[in-house]
């Protein structure tokens, strides 16, 4: 499944190019927990699904689908907006931490 947020499709090479300096396994570590990269991919897919659900609800309402109310359209739109804002804030924090680590390693 490719991520498609507002017609932006990041290349899978972005996720594949992330390298960790510690020993990590692709699926899970010794305790059976998901790796950071797997969690990150999973959460980005959830954000993408909310964006798509919001778009589908809006299109359904515009096309006159009687099962979709304006309340559902507004709620799905706000949920998609909030999840995208949260993803951006998490990304910003990760980038800040990465930059701070690079400063301390020099």
PDB file of N, CA and C in Angstrom:
ATOM      1  N   UNK A   1       0.839  -1.175   0.000  1.00  0.00           N
ATOM      2  CA  UNK A   1       0.000   0.000   0.000  1.00  0.00           C
ATOM      3  C   UNK A   1       0.885   1.240   0.000  1.00  0.00           C
ATOM      4  N   UNK A   2       0.672   2.140  -0.921  1.00  0.00           N
ATOM      5  CA  UNK A   2       1.463   3.365  -0.949  1.00  0.00           C
ATOM      6  C   UNK A   2       0.722   4.452  -0.182  1.00  0.00           C
ATOM      7  N   UNK A   3       1.497   5.329   0.394  1.00  0.00           N
ATOM      8  CA  UNK A   3       0.941   6.433   1.159  1.00  0.00           C
ATOM      9  C   UNK A   3       0.600   7.541   0.184  1.00  0.00           C
ATOM     10  N   UNK A   4      -0.594   8.101   0.313  1.00  0.00           N
ATOM     11  CA  UNK A   4      -1.038   9.145  -0.589  1.00  0.00           C
ATOM     12  C   UNK A   4      -1.739  10.216   0.228  1.00  0.00           C
ATOM     13  N   UNK A   5      -1.007  11.210   0.666  1.00  0.00           N
ATOM     14  CA  UNK A   5      -1.587  12.287   1.449  1.00  0.00           C
ATOM     15  C   UNK A   5      -1.658  13.514   0.563  1.00  0.00           C
ATOM     16  N   UNK A   6      -2.896  13.934   0.268  1.00  0.00           N
ATOM     17  CA  UNK A   6      -3.119  15.109  -0.560  1.00  0.00           C
ATOM     18  C   UNK A   6      -2.312  15.056  -1.856  1.00  0.00           C
ATOM     19  N   UNK A   7      -2.385  13.925  -2.522  1.00  0.00           N
ATOM     20  CA  UNK A   7      -1.721  13.680  -3.799  1.00  0.00           C
ATOM     21  C   UNK A   7      -0.204  13.689  -3.714  1.00  0.00           C
ATOM     22  N   UNK A   8       0.368  13.578  -2.524  1.00  0.00           N
ATOM     23  CA  UNK A   8       1.806  13.456  -2.353  1.00  0.00           C
ATOM     24  C   UNK A   8       2.115  12.014  -2.013  1.00  0.00           C
ATOM     25  N   UNK A   9       2.893  11.368  -2.861  1.00  0.00           N
ATOM     26  CA  UNK A   9       3.241   9.977  -2.646  1.00  0.00           C
ATOM     27  C   UNK A   9       4.740   9.886  -2.413  1.00  0.00           C
ATOM     28  N   UNK A  10       5.154   9.714  -1.138  1.00  0.00           N
ATOM     29  CA  UNK A  10       6.589   9.612  -0.895  1.00  0.00           C
ATOM     30  C   UNK A  10       7.149   8.324  -1.457  1.00  0.00           C
ATOM     31  N   UNK A  11       8.348   8.398  -1.936  1.00  0.00           N
ATOM     32  CA  UNK A  11       9.036   7.254  -2.492  1.00  0.00           C
ATOM     33  C   UNK A  11       9.370   6.280  -1.369  1.00  0.00           C
ATOM     34  N   UNK A  12       9.189   4.991  -1.616  1.00  0.00           N
ATOM     35  CA  UNK A  12       9.492   4.007  -0.586  1.00  0.00           C
ATOM     36  C   UNK A  12      10.969   3.994  -0.237  1.00  0.00           C
ATOM     37  N   UNK A  13      11.802   4.576  -1.089  1.00  0.00           N
ATOM     38  CA  UNK A  13      13.228   4.648  -0.803  1.00  0.00           C
ATOM     39  C   UNK A  13      13.499   5.500   0.429  1.00  0.00           C
ATOM     40  N   UNK A  14      12.589   6.417   0.751  1.00  0.00           N
ATOM     41  CA  UNK A  14      12.755   7.252   1.942  1.00  0.00           C
ATOM     42  C   UNK A  14      12.800   6.362   3.172  1.00  0.00           C
ATOM     43  N   UNK A  15      11.830   5.449   3.285  1.00  0.00           N
ATOM     44  CA  UNK A  15      11.786   4.570   4.444  1.00  0.00           C
ATOM     45  C   UNK A  15      12.913   3.549   4.398  1.00  0.00           C
ATOM     46  N   UNK A  16      13.243   3.072   3.207  1.00  0.00           N
ATOM     47  CA  UNK A  16      14.296   2.069   3.076  1.00  0.00           C
ATOM     48  C   UNK A  16      15.684   2.652   3.344  1.00  0.00           C
ATOM     49  N   UNK A  17      15.843   3.958   3.155  1.00  0.00           N
ATOM     50  CA  UNK A  17      17.152   4.567   3.330  1.00  0.00           C
ATOM     51  C   UNK A  17      17.467   4.889   4.787  1.00  0.00           C
ATOM     52  N   UNK A  18      16.480   4.769   5.675  1.00  0.00           N
ATOM     53  CA  UNK A  18      16.718   5.055   7.086  1.00  0.00           C
ATOM     54  C   UNK A  18      17.592   3.956   7.661  1.00  0.00           C
ATOM     55  N   UNK A  19      18.728   4.342   8.177  1.00  0.00           N
ATOM     56  CA  UNK A  19      19.663   3.386   8.771  1.00  0.00           C
ATOM     57  C   UNK A  19      19.805   3.698  10.254  1.00  0.00           C
ATOM     58  N   UNK A  20      19.890   2.664  11.054  1.00  0.00           N
ATOM     59  CA  UNK A  20      20.090   2.828  12.485  1.00  0.00           C
ATOM     60  C   UNK A  20      21.475   2.312  12.836  1.00  0.00           C
ATOM     61  N   UNK A  21      22.113   2.961  13.787  1.00  0.00           N
ATOM     62  CA  UNK A  21      23.467   2.566  14.155  1.00  0.00           C
ATOM     63  C   UNK A  21      23.485   1.359  15.070  1.00  0.00           C
ATOM     64  N   UNK A  22      22.362   1.089  15.752  1.00  0.00           N
ATOM     65  CA  UNK A  22      22.306  -0.084  16.602  1.00  0.00           C
ATOM     66  C   UNK A  22      21.782  -1.263  15.809  1.00  0.00           C
ATOM     67  N   UNK A  23      21.965  -2.455  16.346  1.00  0.00           N
ATOM     68  CA  UNK A  23      21.463  -3.647  15.665  1.00  0.00           C
ATOM     69  C   UNK A  23      19.952  -3.692  15.784  1.00  0.00           C
ATOM     70  N   UNK A  24      19.256  -3.617  14.647  1.00  0.00           N
ATOM     71  CA  UNK A  24      17.805  -3.727  14.636  1.00  0.00           C
ATOM     72  C   UNK A  24      17.417  -4.778  13.626  1.00  0.00           C
ATOM     73  N   UNK A  25      16.340  -5.441  13.901  1.00  0.00           N
ATOM     74  CA  UNK A  25      15.794  -6.412  12.960  1.00  0.00           C
ATOM     75  C   UNK A  25      14.628  -5.756  12.263  1.00  0.00           C
ATOM     76  N   UNK A  26      14.340  -6.173  11.043  1.00  0.00           N
ATOM     77  CA  UNK A  26      13.329  -5.491  10.254  1.00  0.00           C
ATOM     78  C   UNK A  26      11.934  -5.637  10.833  1.00  0.00           C
ATOM     79  N   UNK A  27      11.602  -6.765  11.377  1.00  0.00           N
ATOM     80  CA  UNK A  27      10.238  -6.956  11.858  1.00  0.00           C
ATOM     81  C   UNK A  27      10.101  -6.681  13.351  1.00  0.00           C
ATOM     82  N   UNK A  28      11.005  -7.208  14.152  1.00  0.00           N
ATOM     83  CA  UNK A  28      10.873  -7.001  15.591  1.00  0.00           C
ATOM     84  C   UNK A  28      12.206  -7.235  16.270  1.00  0.00           C
ATOM     85  N   UNK A  29      12.270  -6.814  17.526  1.00  0.00           N
ATOM     86  CA  UNK A  29      13.502  -7.047  18.278  1.00  0.00           C
ATOM     87  C   UNK A  29      13.380  -8.332  19.091  1.00  0.00           C
ATOM     88  N   UNK A  30      14.315  -8.561  19.993  1.00  0.00           N
ATOM     89  CA  UNK A  30      14.336  -9.816  20.751  1.00  0.00           C
ATOM     90  C   UNK A  30      13.115 -10.003  21.633  1.00  0.00           C
ATOM     91  N   UNK A  31      12.489  -8.922  22.061  1.00  0.00           N
ATOM     92  CA  UNK A  31      11.319  -9.021  22.932  1.00  0.00           C
ATOM     93  C   UNK A  31      10.022  -9.176  22.159  1.00  0.00           C
ATOM     94  N   UNK A  32      10.078  -9.236  20.866  1.00  0.00           N
ATOM     95  CA  UNK A  32       8.875  -9.383  20.052  1.00  0.00           C
ATOM     96  C   UNK A  32       8.161  -8.064  19.805  1.00  0.00           C
ATOM     97  N   UNK A  33       8.792  -6.946  20.139  1.00  0.00           N
ATOM     98  CA  UNK A  33       8.187  -5.642  19.934  1.00  0.00           C
ATOM     99  C   UNK A  33       8.528  -5.140  18.532  1.00  0.00           C
ATOM    100  N   UNK A  34       7.643  -4.333  17.972  1.00  0.00           N
ATOM    101  CA  UNK A  34       7.871  -3.785  16.641  1.00  0.00           C
ATOM    102  C   UNK A  34       9.002  -2.768  16.688  1.00  0.00           C
ATOM    103  N   UNK A  35       9.776  -2.685  15.618  1.00  0.00           N
ATOM    104  CA  UNK A  35      10.860  -1.713  15.549  1.00  0.00           C
ATOM    105  C   UNK A  35      10.280  -0.316  15.349  1.00  0.00           C
ATOM    106  N   UNK A  36      11.105   0.680  15.584  1.00  0.00           N
ATOM    107  CA  UNK A  36      10.676   2.069  15.436  1.00  0.00           C
ATOM    108  C   UNK A  36      10.213   2.343  14.008  1.00  0.00           C
ATOM    109  N   UNK A  37      10.933   1.823  13.040  1.00  0.00           N
ATOM    110  CA  UNK A  37      10.580   2.036  11.642  1.00  0.00           C
ATOM    111  C   UNK A  37       9.226   1.417  11.309  1.00  0.00           C
ATOM    112  N   UNK A  38       8.944   0.217  11.840  1.00  0.00           N
ATOM    113  CA  UNK A  38       7.651  -0.429  11.600  1.00  0.00           C
ATOM    114  C   UNK A  38       6.509   0.375  12.206  1.00  0.00           C
ATOM    115  N   UNK A  39       6.735   0.894  13.409  1.00  0.00           N
ATOM    116  CA  UNK A  39       5.710   1.711  14.065  1.00  0.00           C
ATOM    117  C   UNK A  39       5.477   2.987  13.270  1.00  0.00           C
ATOM    118  N   UNK A  40       6.549   3.608  12.816  1.00  0.00           N
ATOM    119  CA  UNK A  40       6.443   4.834  12.035  1.00  0.00           C
ATOM    120  C   UNK A  40       5.659   4.599  10.744  1.00  0.00           C
ATOM    121  N   UNK A  41       5.985   3.532  10.042  1.00  0.00           N
ATOM    122  CA  UNK A  41       5.249   3.202   8.813  1.00  0.00           C
ATOM    123  C   UNK A  41       3.771   2.957   9.099  1.00  0.00           C
ATOM    124  N   UNK A  42       3.492   2.223  10.163  1.00  0.00           N
ATOM    125  CA  UNK A  42       2.115   1.902  10.529  1.00  0.00           C
ATOM    126  C   UNK A  42       1.309   3.170  10.818  1.00  0.00           C
ATOM    127  N   UNK A  43       1.898   4.073  11.579  1.00  0.00           N
ATOM    128  CA  UNK A  43       1.192   5.310  11.934  1.00  0.00           C
ATOM    129  C   UNK A  43       0.991   6.204  10.721  1.00  0.00           C
ATOM    130  N   UNK A  44       1.957   6.233   9.813  1.00  0.00           N
ATOM    131  CA  UNK A  44       1.785   7.021   8.596  1.00  0.00           C
ATOM    132  C   UNK A  44       0.680   6.441   7.718  1.00  0.00           C
ATOM    133  N   UNK A  45       0.552   5.125   7.710  1.00  0.00           N
ATOM    134  CA  UNK A  45      -0.538   4.498   6.962  1.00  0.00           C
ATOM    135  C   UNK A  45      -1.888   4.847   7.586  1.00  0.00           C
ATOM    136  N   UNK A  46      -1.943   4.936   8.920  1.00  0.00           N
ATOM    137  CA  UNK A  46      -3.189   5.331   9.592  1.00  0.00           C
ATOM    138  C   UNK A  46      -3.564   6.767   9.227  1.00  0.00           C
ATOM    139  N   UNK A  47      -2.583   7.662   9.182  1.00  0.00           N
ATOM    140  CA  UNK A  47      -2.844   9.047   8.781  1.00  0.00           C
ATOM    141  C   UNK A  47      -3.371   9.065   7.357  1.00  0.00           C
ATOM    142  N   UNK A  48      -2.756   8.279   6.491  1.00  0.00           N
ATOM    143  CA  UNK A  48      -3.190   8.199   5.100  1.00  0.00           C
ATOM    144  C   UNK A  48      -4.627   7.689   4.995  1.00  0.00           C
ATOM    145  N   UNK A  49      -4.959   6.663   5.763  1.00  0.00           N
ATOM    146  CA  UNK A  49      -6.313   6.111   5.734  1.00  0.00           C
ATOM    147  C   UNK A  49      -7.343   7.137   6.179  1.00  0.00           C
ATOM    148  N   UNK A  50      -7.009   7.951   7.172  1.00  0.00           N
ATOM    149  CA  UNK A  50      -7.933   8.997   7.633  1.00  0.00           C
ATOM    150  C   UNK A  50      -8.115  10.063   6.567  1.00  0.00           C
ATOM    151  N   UNK A  51      -7.041  10.399   5.855  1.00  0.00           N
ATOM    152  CA  UNK A  51      -7.143  11.367   4.763  1.00  0.00           C
ATOM    153  C   UNK A  51      -8.055  10.835   3.649  1.00  0.00           C
ATOM    154  N   UNK A  52      -7.875   9.575   3.310  1.00  0.00           N
ATOM    155  CA  UNK A  52      -8.685   8.959   2.257  1.00  0.00           C
ATOM    156  C   UNK A  52     -10.145   8.856   2.690  1.00  0.00           C
ATOM    157  N   UNK A  53     -10.388   8.466   3.953  1.00  0.00           N
ATOM    158  CA  UNK A  53     -11.763   8.358   4.458  1.00  0.00           C
ATOM    159  C   UNK A  53     -12.452   9.715   4.428  1.00  0.00           C
ATOM    160  N   UNK A  54     -11.719  10.758   4.783  1.00  0.00           N
ATOM    161  CA  UNK A  54     -12.286  12.102   4.743  1.00  0.00           C
ATOM    162  C   UNK A  54     -12.644  12.514   3.321  1.00  0.00           C
ATOM    163  N   UNK A  55     -11.740  12.224   2.400  1.00  0.00           N
ATOM    164  CA  UNK A  55     -11.998  12.560   1.001  1.00  0.00           C
ATOM    165  C   UNK A  55     -13.195  11.777   0.456  1.00  0.00           C
ATOM    166  N   UNK A  56     -13.284  10.499   0.810  1.00  0.00           N
ATOM    167  CA  UNK A  56     -14.412   9.678   0.353  1.00  0.00           C
ATOM    168  C   UNK A  56     -15.731  10.156   0.936  1.00  0.00           C
ATOM    169  N   UNK A  57     -15.727  10.551   2.208  1.00  0.00           N
ATOM    170  CA  UNK A  57     -16.944  11.061   2.834  1.00  0.00           C
ATOM    171  C   UNK A  57     -17.384  12.358   2.175  1.00  0.00           C
ATOM    172  N   UNK A  58     -16.446  13.228   1.882  1.00  0.00           N
ATOM    173  CA  UNK A  58     -16.762  14.500   1.224  1.00  0.00           C
ATOM    174  C   UNK A  58     -17.325  14.260  -0.168  1.00  0.00           C
ATOM    175  N   UNK A  59     -16.676  13.383  -0.925  1.00  0.00           N
ATOM    176  CA  UNK A  59     -17.165  13.093  -2.276  1.00  0.00           C
ATOM    177  C   UNK A  59     -18.542  12.439  -2.235  1.00  0.00           C
ATOM    178  N   UNK A  60     -18.742  11.532  -1.276  1.00  0.00           N
ATOM    179  CA  UNK A  60     -20.045  10.886  -1.149  1.00  0.00           C
ATOM    180  C   UNK A  60     -21.148  11.875  -0.827  1.00  0.00           C
ATOM    181  N   UNK A  61     -20.861  12.802   0.067  1.00  0.00           N
ATOM    182  CA  UNK A  61     -21.847  13.821   0.427  1.00  0.00           C
ATOM    183  C   UNK A  61     -22.157  14.726  -0.752  1.00  0.00           C
ATOM    184  N   UNK A  62     -21.114  15.121  -1.481  1.00  0.00           N
ATOM    185  CA  UNK A  62     -21.306  15.991  -2.648  1.00  0.00           C
ATOM    186  C   UNK A  62     -22.123  15.275  -3.722  1.00  0.00           C
ATOM    187  N   UNK A  63     -21.880  13.968  -3.881  1.00  0.00           N
ATOM    188  CA  UNK A  63     -22.600  13.203  -4.896  1.00  0.00           C
ATOM    189  C   UNK A  63     -24.005  12.818  -4.469  1.00  0.00           C
ATOM    190  N   UNK A  64     -24.407  13.167  -3.243  1.00  0.00           N
ATOM    191  CA  UNK A  64     -25.775  12.939  -2.809  1.00  0.00           C
ATOM    192  C   UNK A  64     -26.020  11.607  -2.141  1.00  0.00           C
ATOM    193  N   UNK A  65     -24.997  10.959  -1.627  1.00  0.00           N
ATOM    194  CA  UNK A  65     -25.167   9.699  -0.900  1.00  0.00           C
ATOM    195  C   UNK A  65     -25.982   9.969   0.361  1.00  0.00           C
ATOM    196  N   UNK A  66     -27.138   9.332   0.467  1.00  0.00           N
ATOM    197  CA  UNK A  66     -28.035   9.599   1.593  1.00  0.00           C
ATOM    198  C   UNK A  66     -27.529   9.014   2.911  1.00  0.00           C
ATOM    199  N   UNK A  67     -26.537   8.118   2.870  1.00  0.00           N
ATOM    200  CA  UNK A  67     -26.003   7.519   4.090  1.00  0.00           C
ATOM    201  C   UNK A  67     -24.964   8.404   4.776  1.00  0.00           C
ATOM    202  N   UNK A  68     -24.507   9.446   4.096  1.00  0.00           N
ATOM    203  CA  UNK A  68     -23.473  10.315   4.650  1.00  0.00           C
ATOM    204  C   UNK A  68     -24.087  11.657   5.009  1.00  0.00           C
ATOM    205  N   UNK A  69     -23.941  12.036   6.285  1.00  0.00           N
ATOM    206  CA  UNK A  69     -24.470  13.318   6.748  1.00  0.00           C
ATOM    207  C   UNK A  69     -23.343  14.346   6.802  1.00  0.00           C
ATOM    208  N   UNK A  70     -23.740  15.603   6.910  1.00  0.00           N
ATOM    209  CA  UNK A  70     -22.760  16.670   7.004  1.00  0.00           C
ATOM    210  C   UNK A  70     -21.926  16.518   8.278  1.00  0.00           C
ATOM    211  N   UNK A  71     -22.536  15.971   9.330  1.00  0.00           N
ATOM    212  CA  UNK A  71     -21.789  15.742  10.577  1.00  0.00           C
ATOM    213  C   UNK A  71     -20.638  14.769  10.349  1.00  0.00           C
ATOM    214  N   UNK A  72     -20.897  13.701   9.617  1.00  0.00           N
ATOM    215  CA  UNK A  72     -19.851  12.722   9.331  1.00  0.00           C
ATOM    216  C   UNK A  72     -18.740  13.332   8.489  1.00  0.00           C
ATOM    217  N   UNK A  73     -19.105  14.164   7.547  1.00  0.00           N
ATOM    218  CA  UNK A  73     -18.116  14.818   6.692  1.00  0.00           C
ATOM    219  C   UNK A  73     -17.232  15.734   7.527  1.00  0.00           C
ATOM    220  N   UNK A  74     -17.849  16.523   8.392  1.00  0.00           N
ATOM    221  CA  UNK A  74     -17.092  17.458   9.223  1.00  0.00           C
ATOM    222  C   UNK A  74     -16.190  16.717  10.213  1.00  0.00           C
ATOM    223  N   UNK A  75     -16.712  15.667  10.833  1.00  0.00           N
ATOM    224  CA  UNK A  75     -15.915  14.907  11.794  1.00  0.00           C
ATOM    225  C   UNK A  75     -14.738  14.194  11.127  1.00  0.00           C
ATOM    226  N   UNK A  76     -14.988  13.574   9.989  1.00  0.00           N
ATOM    227  CA  UNK A  76     -13.884  12.880   9.312  1.00  0.00           C
ATOM    228  C   UNK A  76     -12.843  13.868   8.805  1.00  0.00           C
ATOM    229  N   UNK A  77     -13.281  15.038   8.366  1.00  0.00           N
ATOM    230  CA  UNK A  77     -12.347  16.058   7.920  1.00  0.00           C
ATOM    231  C   UNK A  77     -11.486  16.582   9.063  1.00  0.00           C
ATOM    232  N   UNK A  78     -12.110  16.809  10.211  1.00  0.00           N
ATOM    233  CA  UNK A  78     -11.362  17.300  11.370  1.00  0.00           C
ATOM    234  C   UNK A  78     -10.417  16.241  11.906  1.00  0.00           C
ATOM    235  N   UNK A  79     -10.855  14.981  11.903  1.00  0.00           N
ATOM    236  CA  UNK A  79      -9.983  13.895  12.355  1.00  0.00           C
ATOM    237  C   UNK A  79      -8.769  13.764  11.444  1.00  0.00           C
ATOM    238  N   UNK A  80      -8.970  13.877  10.140  1.00  0.00           N
ATOM    239  CA  UNK A  80      -7.864  13.806   9.188  1.00  0.00           C
ATOM    240  C   UNK A  80      -6.907  14.974   9.386  1.00  0.00           C
ATOM    241  N   UNK A  81      -7.474  16.156   9.621  1.00  0.00           N
ATOM    242  CA  UNK A  81      -6.649  17.341   9.837  1.00  0.00           C
ATOM    243  C   UNK A  81      -5.809  17.202  11.101  1.00  0.00           C
ATOM    244  N   UNK A  82      -6.429  16.752  12.189  1.00  0.00           N
ATOM    245  CA  UNK A  82      -5.716  16.608  13.456  1.00  0.00           C
ATOM    246  C   UNK A  82      -4.630  15.540  13.373  1.00  0.00           C
ATOM    247  N   UNK A  83      -4.928  14.429  12.711  1.00  0.00           N
ATOM    248  CA  UNK A  83      -3.920  13.368  12.597  1.00  0.00           C
ATOM    249  C   UNK A  83      -2.734  13.819  11.751  1.00  0.00           C
ATOM    250  N   UNK A  84      -2.991  14.609  10.717  1.00  0.00           N
ATOM    251  CA  UNK A  84      -1.903  15.126   9.892  1.00  0.00           C
ATOM    252  C   UNK A  84      -1.060  16.128  10.677  1.00  0.00           C
ATOM    253  N   UNK A  85      -1.710  16.986  11.455  1.00  0.00           N
ATOM    254  CA  UNK A  85      -0.965  17.943  12.276  1.00  0.00           C
ATOM    255  C   UNK A  85      -0.108  17.223  13.310  1.00  0.00           C
ATOM    256  N   UNK A  86      -0.646  16.173  13.911  1.00  0.00           N
ATOM    257  CA  UNK A  86       0.126  15.405  14.878  1.00  0.00           C
ATOM    258  C   UNK A  86       1.331  14.745  14.207  1.00  0.00           C
ATOM    259  N   UNK A  87       1.130  14.179  13.021  1.00  0.00           N
ATOM    260  CA  UNK A  87       2.229  13.549  12.296  1.00  0.00           C
ATOM    261  C   UNK A  87       3.321  14.568  11.973  1.00  0.00           C
ATOM    262  N   UNK A  88       2.934  15.772  11.604  1.00  0.00           N
ATOM    263  CA  UNK A  88       3.916  16.810  11.312  1.00  0.00           C
ATOM    264  C   UNK A  88       4.685  17.221  12.562  1.00  0.00           C
ATOM    265  N   UNK A  89       3.995  17.311  13.689  1.00  0.00           N
ATOM    266  CA  UNK A  89       4.673  17.662  14.937  1.00  0.00           C
ATOM    267  C   UNK A  89       5.641  16.562  15.365  1.00  0.00           C
ATOM    268  N   UNK A  90       5.238  15.319  15.195  1.00  0.00           N
ATOM    269  CA  UNK A  90       6.135  14.206  15.525  1.00  0.00           C
ATOM    270  C   UNK A  90       7.356  14.244  14.616  1.00  0.00           C
ATOM    271  N   UNK A  91       7.129  14.486  13.336  1.00  0.00           N
ATOM    272  CA  UNK A  91       8.244  14.600  12.396  1.00  0.00           C
ATOM    273  C   UNK A  91       9.198  15.719  12.812  1.00  0.00           C
ATOM    274  N   UNK A  92       8.640  16.860  13.208  1.00  0.00           N
ATOM    275  CA  UNK A  92       9.479  17.984  13.626  1.00  0.00           C
ATOM    276  C   UNK A  92      10.305  17.626  14.857  1.00  0.00           C
ATOM    277  N   UNK A  93       9.698  16.920  15.806  1.00  0.00           N
ATOM    278  CA  UNK A  93      10.430  16.518  17.012  1.00  0.00           C
ATOM    279  C   UNK A  93      11.534  15.517  16.680  1.00  0.00           C
ATOM    280  N   UNK A  94      11.257  14.598  15.782  1.00  0.00           N
ATOM    281  CA  UNK A  94      12.268  13.624  15.372  1.00  0.00           C
ATOM    282  C   UNK A  94      13.433  14.342  14.689  1.00  0.00           C
ATOM    283  N   UNK A  95      13.121  15.299  13.824  1.00  0.00           N
ATOM    284  CA  UNK A  95      14.174  16.050  13.137  1.00  0.00           C
ATOM    285  C   UNK A  95      14.990  16.865  14.134  1.00  0.00           C
ATOM    286  N   UNK A  96      14.338  17.479  15.119  1.00  0.00           N
ATOM    287  CA  UNK A  96      15.063  18.233  16.148  1.00  0.00           C
ATOM    288  C   UNK A  96      16.002  17.320  16.925  1.00  0.00           C
ATOM    289  N   UNK A  97      15.506  16.141  17.291  1.00  0.00           N
ATOM    290  CA  UNK A  97      16.335  15.191  18.036  1.00  0.00           C
ATOM    291  C   UNK A  97      17.512  14.726  17.184  1.00  0.00           C
ATOM    292  N   UNK A  98      17.270  14.470  15.916  1.00  0.00           N
ATOM    293  CA  UNK A  98      18.338  14.047  15.012  1.00  0.00           C
ATOM    294  C   UNK A  98      19.408  15.126  14.880  1.00  0.00           C
ATOM    295  N   UNK A  99      18.971  16.375  14.733  1.00  0.00           N
ATOM    296  CA  UNK A  99      19.924  17.471  14.618  1.00  0.00           C
ATOM    297  C   UNK A  99      20.709  17.648  15.912  1.00  0.00           C
ATOM    298  N   UNK A 100      20.048  17.476  17.039  1.00  0.00           N
ATOM    299  CA  UNK A 100      20.733  17.588  18.327  1.00  0.00           C
ATOM    300  C   UNK A 100      21.771  16.476  18.487  1.00  0.00           C
ATOM    301  N   UNK A 101      21.438  15.266  18.054  1.00  0.00           N
ATOM    302  CA  UNK A 101      22.394  14.175  18.119  1.00  0.00           C
ATOM    303  C   UNK A 101      23.600  14.430  17.222  1.00  0.00           C
ATOM    304  N   UNK A 102      23.361  14.989  16.070  1.00  0.00           N
ATOM    305  CA  UNK A 102      24.473  15.299  15.161  1.00  0.00           C
ATOM    306  C   UNK A 102      25.395  16.353  15.759  1.00  0.00           C
ATOM    307  N   UNK A 103      24.841  17.304  16.503  1.00  0.00           N
ATOM    308  CA  UNK A 103      25.661  18.322  17.152  1.00  0.00           C
ATOM    309  C   UNK A 103      26.539  17.713  18.237  1.00  0.00           C
ATOM    310  N   UNK A 104      25.988  16.770  18.984  1.00  0.00           N
ATOM    311  CA  UNK A 104      26.730  16.209  20.100  1.00  0.00           C
ATOM    312  C   UNK A 104      27.805  15.217  19.649  1.00  0.00           C
ATOM    313  N   UNK A 105      27.662  14.640  18.462  1.00  0.00           N
ATOM    314  CA  UNK A 105      28.635  13.658  17.981  1.00  0.00           C
ATOM    315  C   UNK A 105      29.884  14.304  17.432  1.00  0.00           C
ATOM    316  N   UNK A 106      29.849  15.589  17.142  1.00  0.00           N
ATOM    317  CA  UNK A 106      31.012  16.264  16.545  1.00  0.00           C
ATOM    318  C   UNK A 106      32.048  16.606  17.546  1.00  0.00           C
TER     319      UNK A 106
END
